[in-house]
Protein backbone atom coordinates (compact mmCIF):
# COMPACT_ATOMS: atom_id res chain seq x y z
CA MET A 1 158.70 136.21 28.80
CA GLN A 2 161.14 135.49 26.01
CA LEU A 3 160.19 136.26 22.40
CA THR A 4 160.81 133.63 19.75
CA ASP A 5 162.85 134.37 16.64
CA SER A 6 159.64 134.35 14.58
CA GLN A 7 157.99 136.88 16.90
CA LEU A 8 161.00 139.18 16.64
CA ALA A 9 160.94 138.88 12.85
CA GLN A 10 157.21 139.64 12.88
CA PHE A 11 157.78 142.78 14.95
CA ASP A 12 160.52 143.93 12.59
CA ARG A 13 158.22 143.34 9.59
CA ASP A 14 154.85 144.58 10.87
CA GLY A 15 155.86 146.94 13.68
CA PHE A 16 153.68 145.30 16.33
CA LEU A 17 152.99 142.07 18.21
CA ARG A 18 149.78 140.90 19.90
CA PHE A 19 149.63 138.82 23.07
CA GLU A 20 146.19 137.38 23.84
CA ARG A 21 145.14 137.36 27.51
CA LEU A 22 148.60 138.33 28.76
CA PHE A 23 147.03 139.50 32.03
CA THR A 24 144.33 137.86 34.13
CA ASP A 25 140.96 139.29 35.10
CA ASP A 26 142.23 139.82 38.66
CA GLU A 27 145.24 141.78 37.38
CA ILE A 28 143.07 143.93 35.13
CA ALA A 29 140.73 144.64 38.05
CA LEU A 30 143.74 145.71 40.14
CA LEU A 31 144.99 148.12 37.46
CA LYS A 32 141.52 149.58 36.92
CA SER A 33 141.01 149.99 40.65
CA ASP A 34 144.23 151.98 40.95
CA LEU A 35 143.29 154.16 37.97
CA THR A 36 139.90 154.87 39.52
CA ARG A 37 141.62 155.87 42.75
CA VAL A 38 144.24 158.20 41.21
CA GLY A 39 141.77 159.60 38.65
CA SER A 40 140.09 161.61 41.38
CA ALA A 41 143.33 163.41 42.30
CA SER A 42 144.11 167.01 41.45
CA SER A 43 147.15 166.91 39.18
CA ASP A 44 148.51 168.34 35.92
CA ALA A 45 149.26 164.71 35.04
CA ILE A 46 145.52 164.13 34.54
CA ILE A 47 144.11 165.43 31.24
CA ARG A 48 140.35 165.85 30.87
CA GLU A 49 138.00 165.99 27.91
CA ARG A 50 136.11 169.20 27.32
CA THR A 51 133.12 167.43 28.89
CA GLY A 52 135.11 167.06 32.11
CA SER A 53 135.61 163.28 31.92
CA VAL A 54 139.15 161.94 32.29
CA ARG A 55 141.02 161.52 28.98
CA THR A 56 144.55 160.55 30.08
CA ILE A 57 146.31 159.78 33.35
CA TYR A 58 150.11 160.03 33.29
CA ARG A 59 152.94 158.98 35.58
CA CYS A 60 151.43 156.04 37.44
CA HIS A 61 154.73 154.10 37.35
CA GLU A 62 156.80 156.26 39.72
CA PRO A 63 156.76 155.78 43.52
CA ASP A 64 155.76 159.37 44.27
CA GLY A 65 153.19 161.93 43.18
CA PRO A 66 149.38 162.04 43.19
CA THR A 67 149.04 159.50 40.34
CA ALA A 68 151.51 156.96 41.79
CA SER A 69 150.38 153.33 41.69
CA PRO A 70 152.33 150.35 43.08
CA ALA A 71 150.64 148.07 40.53
CA PHE A 72 151.74 150.23 37.58
CA ARG A 73 155.24 150.56 39.02
CA ARG A 74 155.48 146.78 39.00
CA LEU A 75 153.82 146.55 35.57
CA ALA A 76 156.69 148.56 34.07
CA ARG A 77 159.20 146.00 35.35
CA THR A 78 157.28 142.75 34.94
CA PRO A 79 159.02 140.26 32.62
CA ARG A 80 155.82 140.15 30.56
CA PHE A 81 156.30 143.81 29.58
CA LEU A 82 159.94 144.71 30.02
CA ARG A 83 161.66 141.64 28.56
CA PRO A 84 159.91 141.76 25.13
CA ALA A 85 160.59 145.51 24.95
CA GLN A 86 164.27 144.88 25.65
CA THR A 87 164.30 142.25 22.92
CA VAL A 88 162.71 144.30 20.12
CA LEU A 89 164.85 147.35 20.97
CA ARG A 90 168.01 145.24 21.24
CA ASP A 91 168.91 146.92 24.51
CA ASP A 92 168.60 145.72 28.11
CA ARG A 93 169.01 149.19 29.63
CA LEU A 94 165.54 150.68 29.21
CA TYR A 95 163.67 153.30 31.20
CA VAL A 96 160.04 154.43 31.06
CA TYR A 97 159.74 157.40 28.73
CA HIS A 98 156.24 157.80 30.06
CA CYS A 99 153.37 155.80 31.44
CA LYS A 100 149.93 156.91 30.32
CA ASN A 101 146.40 155.59 30.51
CA ASN A 102 143.93 156.64 27.86
CA ILE A 103 140.39 156.49 29.16
CA LYS A 104 137.70 156.71 26.50
CA THR A 105 134.53 156.99 28.47
CA ALA A 106 131.27 155.91 26.88
CA ILE A 107 130.01 158.50 24.36
CA ASP A 108 132.39 161.24 25.63
CA GLY A 109 135.70 159.58 24.69
CA THR A 110 136.89 161.26 21.54
CA VAL A 111 139.43 160.70 18.76
CA TRP A 112 143.20 160.41 18.63
CA LEU A 113 144.16 161.72 15.20
CA TRP A 114 146.43 159.73 12.87
CA HIS A 115 149.96 160.13 14.21
CA GLN A 116 153.30 158.50 14.91
CA ASP A 117 154.53 158.63 18.50
CA TYR A 118 157.99 159.62 17.32
CA GLY A 119 156.30 162.52 15.56
CA TYR A 120 155.87 163.89 19.10
CA TRP A 121 159.02 162.50 20.63
CA GLN A 122 161.46 163.90 18.06
CA HIS A 123 160.37 167.36 19.25
CA ASP A 124 161.27 166.30 22.80
CA GLY A 125 164.87 165.87 21.65
CA VAL A 126 164.92 162.05 21.37
CA PRO A 127 167.84 161.28 19.01
CA THR A 128 166.56 158.10 17.31
CA PRO A 129 163.23 156.26 16.88
CA ASN A 130 164.49 153.15 18.68
CA MET A 131 161.52 153.15 21.04
CA ALA A 132 158.49 150.96 21.63
CA THR A 133 155.27 151.01 23.64
CA PHE A 134 153.46 148.15 25.34
CA LEU A 135 149.73 148.56 25.86
CA VAL A 136 147.32 146.40 27.78
CA MET A 137 143.58 146.59 27.23
CA LEU A 138 141.65 147.12 30.44
CA ASP A 139 138.24 146.87 28.72
CA ASP A 140 136.89 145.36 25.54
CA ALA A 141 138.34 147.27 22.59
CA THR A 142 135.96 147.33 19.61
CA GLU A 143 135.60 149.40 16.48
CA PHE A 144 132.30 150.76 17.81
CA GLY A 145 134.08 151.70 21.04
CA GLY A 146 136.97 153.59 19.44
CA CYS A 147 139.72 150.96 19.21
CA LEU A 148 143.13 151.70 17.75
CA TYR A 149 143.99 151.26 14.07
CA PHE A 150 147.51 150.45 12.87
CA LEU A 151 149.03 150.71 9.39
CA PRO A 152 151.19 147.55 9.41
CA GLY A 153 154.77 148.09 8.31
CA SER A 154 154.50 151.88 8.45
CA HIS A 155 157.31 151.97 11.04
CA ARG A 156 159.74 151.05 8.25
CA GLY A 157 158.92 154.25 6.39
CA PRO A 158 159.80 157.85 7.17
CA VAL A 159 158.52 160.10 9.91
CA LEU A 160 155.59 161.68 8.08
CA PRO A 161 155.04 165.45 8.05
CA ALA A 162 152.83 166.51 10.94
CA HIS A 163 151.36 169.64 12.45
CA LYS A 164 150.42 170.51 16.00
CA ASP A 165 146.63 170.27 16.21
CA GLU A 166 145.31 172.20 19.20
CA MET A 167 141.69 172.46 18.05
CA THR A 168 140.29 168.96 17.51
CA THR A 169 140.49 167.69 21.09
CA SER A 170 141.35 168.87 24.59
CA TYR A 171 144.93 167.63 24.17
CA PRO A 172 147.40 169.02 21.57
CA GLN A 173 148.36 166.34 19.04
CA TRP A 174 151.10 166.11 16.42
CA ALA A 175 148.71 164.92 13.71
CA ILE A 176 149.98 163.68 10.37
CA GLU A 177 149.23 166.24 7.68
CA LYS A 178 146.18 165.34 5.62
CA PRO A 179 147.87 164.86 2.21
CA ALA A 180 150.45 162.52 3.78
CA ILE A 181 147.96 160.36 5.65
CA VAL A 182 145.57 160.21 2.68
CA GLU A 183 148.44 158.98 0.51
CA ALA A 184 149.48 156.41 3.13
CA LEU A 185 145.92 155.11 3.45
CA ARG A 186 145.42 154.91 -0.33
CA THR A 187 148.71 153.26 -1.24
CA GLY A 188 149.80 151.35 1.87
CA PRO A 189 148.52 148.27 3.65
CA ARG A 190 144.93 148.28 4.87
CA PRO A 191 144.53 149.57 8.43
CA VAL A 192 144.17 146.87 11.07
CA ALA A 193 141.64 147.30 13.86
CA ILE A 194 143.34 146.50 17.18
CA GLU A 195 140.40 144.85 18.89
CA GLY A 196 140.59 142.57 21.90
CA GLY A 197 139.34 141.71 25.33
CA PRO A 198 140.64 142.80 28.75
CA GLY A 199 144.15 141.49 29.32
CA THR A 200 145.14 141.54 25.65
CA ALA A 201 148.46 143.33 25.15
CA VAL A 202 150.14 144.86 22.09
CA LEU A 203 153.77 145.92 21.68
CA PHE A 204 154.34 148.46 18.90
CA HIS A 205 157.09 150.58 17.37
CA CYS A 206 157.19 154.34 17.91
CA LYS A 207 156.95 155.06 14.15
CA MET A 208 153.80 152.97 13.74
CA VAL A 209 151.13 155.12 12.08
CA HIS A 210 148.05 154.80 14.27
CA GLY A 211 144.91 156.56 15.44
CA SER A 212 141.52 155.86 16.98
CA GLY A 213 137.97 157.05 16.61
CA HIS A 214 135.26 158.35 18.90
CA ASN A 215 133.77 155.96 21.45
CA LEU A 216 130.20 155.74 20.22
CA SER A 217 129.40 152.78 22.46
CA PRO A 218 127.70 152.66 25.88
CA ASN A 219 130.88 151.14 27.38
CA ASP A 220 134.17 152.66 28.50
CA ARG A 221 137.41 151.77 26.68
CA TRP A 222 140.49 152.00 28.89
CA HIS A 223 144.04 151.31 27.68
CA ALA A 224 147.24 151.37 29.74
CA TYR A 225 150.49 152.25 27.91
CA MET A 226 154.13 151.91 28.93
CA ALA A 227 156.55 153.66 26.55
CA TYR A 228 160.13 152.35 26.74
CA ASN A 229 163.33 154.06 25.63
CA PRO A 230 166.99 152.97 25.94
CA SER A 231 168.82 155.08 28.50
CA ALA A 232 171.42 155.78 25.78
CA ASN A 233 168.65 157.31 23.64
CA ARG A 234 167.53 159.81 26.28
CA PRO A 235 166.36 163.18 24.96
CA ASN A 236 168.82 165.94 24.22
CA PRO A 237 167.96 169.31 25.77
CA VAL A 238 165.39 171.26 23.76
CA PRO A 239 165.89 175.00 23.35
CA ALA A 240 162.62 176.14 24.88
CA ASN A 241 159.46 174.93 26.63
CA PRO A 242 160.32 171.27 27.30
CA ARG A 243 157.28 169.17 28.06
CA PRO A 244 156.75 168.31 31.73
CA ASP A 245 158.25 165.32 33.49
CA TYR A 246 154.99 163.40 33.52
CA VAL A 247 155.06 163.28 29.69
CA VAL A 248 158.85 163.15 29.14
CA SER A 249 160.46 161.47 32.12
CA ARG A 250 163.79 162.76 33.42
CA ASN A 251 164.37 159.50 35.30
CA TYR A 252 166.75 157.67 32.96
CA THR A 253 167.75 154.95 35.43
CA PRO A 254 167.56 151.55 33.67
CA LEU A 255 164.74 149.37 34.96
CA GLU A 256 165.47 146.14 36.79
CA LEU A 257 163.36 143.12 35.88
CA LEU A 258 161.17 141.82 38.66
CA ALA A 259 162.07 138.36 39.88
CA GLY A 260 158.43 137.35 39.43
CA ASP A 261 155.42 138.46 37.41
CA SER A 262 153.05 139.57 40.17
CA LEU A 263 151.59 143.07 39.98
CA ARG A 264 151.00 143.06 43.74
CA GLU A 265 153.63 144.12 46.21
CA PRO A 266 154.94 141.13 48.15
CA VAL A 267 153.52 140.76 51.63
CA THR A 268 156.18 141.03 54.32
CA ALA A 269 155.92 139.50 57.77
């Protein structure tokens, strides 16, 4: 999939692009089936809510490990995902910084505080914020169900001051400090609710200010994310306690585009 000049200009201006129904119902069913399968594994790459329900599943894109999924490995390299990421980052040599799947189960799925992804990733030693993430909605994303909110254009501003919040949820988050996010919400563009149906995809910049609320609905809200980074922008060594490979990949080999768009492994005779 090749972006148009107007789409590239829109990404540069707003920090994100939407693609309606980029994946079919059959493809979404395949991805969800694989997540259901690997979600029962015992692995540090699976983060759970305090209630015990799955919150995040990492590292589905690699060929090995308990969370490995052939469909997600192909998703990372499909022209529908990889080519637009190469275009907005102006670099053809990208690798997967991490693959994660945020699973907001009905009622239990809780918040992701206002943050910028590069607010995390700068602490991993990533030199520049030339990174982007592609998400695909695996369920209906609604405001009632805890959809994402973006602050359009916020990627063109600074990395906002943040603190490591280890109390609000089961997963530590680099949350934007309250005075900074209050100021951004009061003076910046209105937040945009990133709603959509299964198969809708969104590509967004790593400095996009975003967050999501509690899932108050009776329905699950699953999102799959593929974070891309140029191999030349790989993290520098951090002095102590680097995050594990499933969050910050050490596989910097540039991805090769698939010849086709199928998420299923080809059948061989």
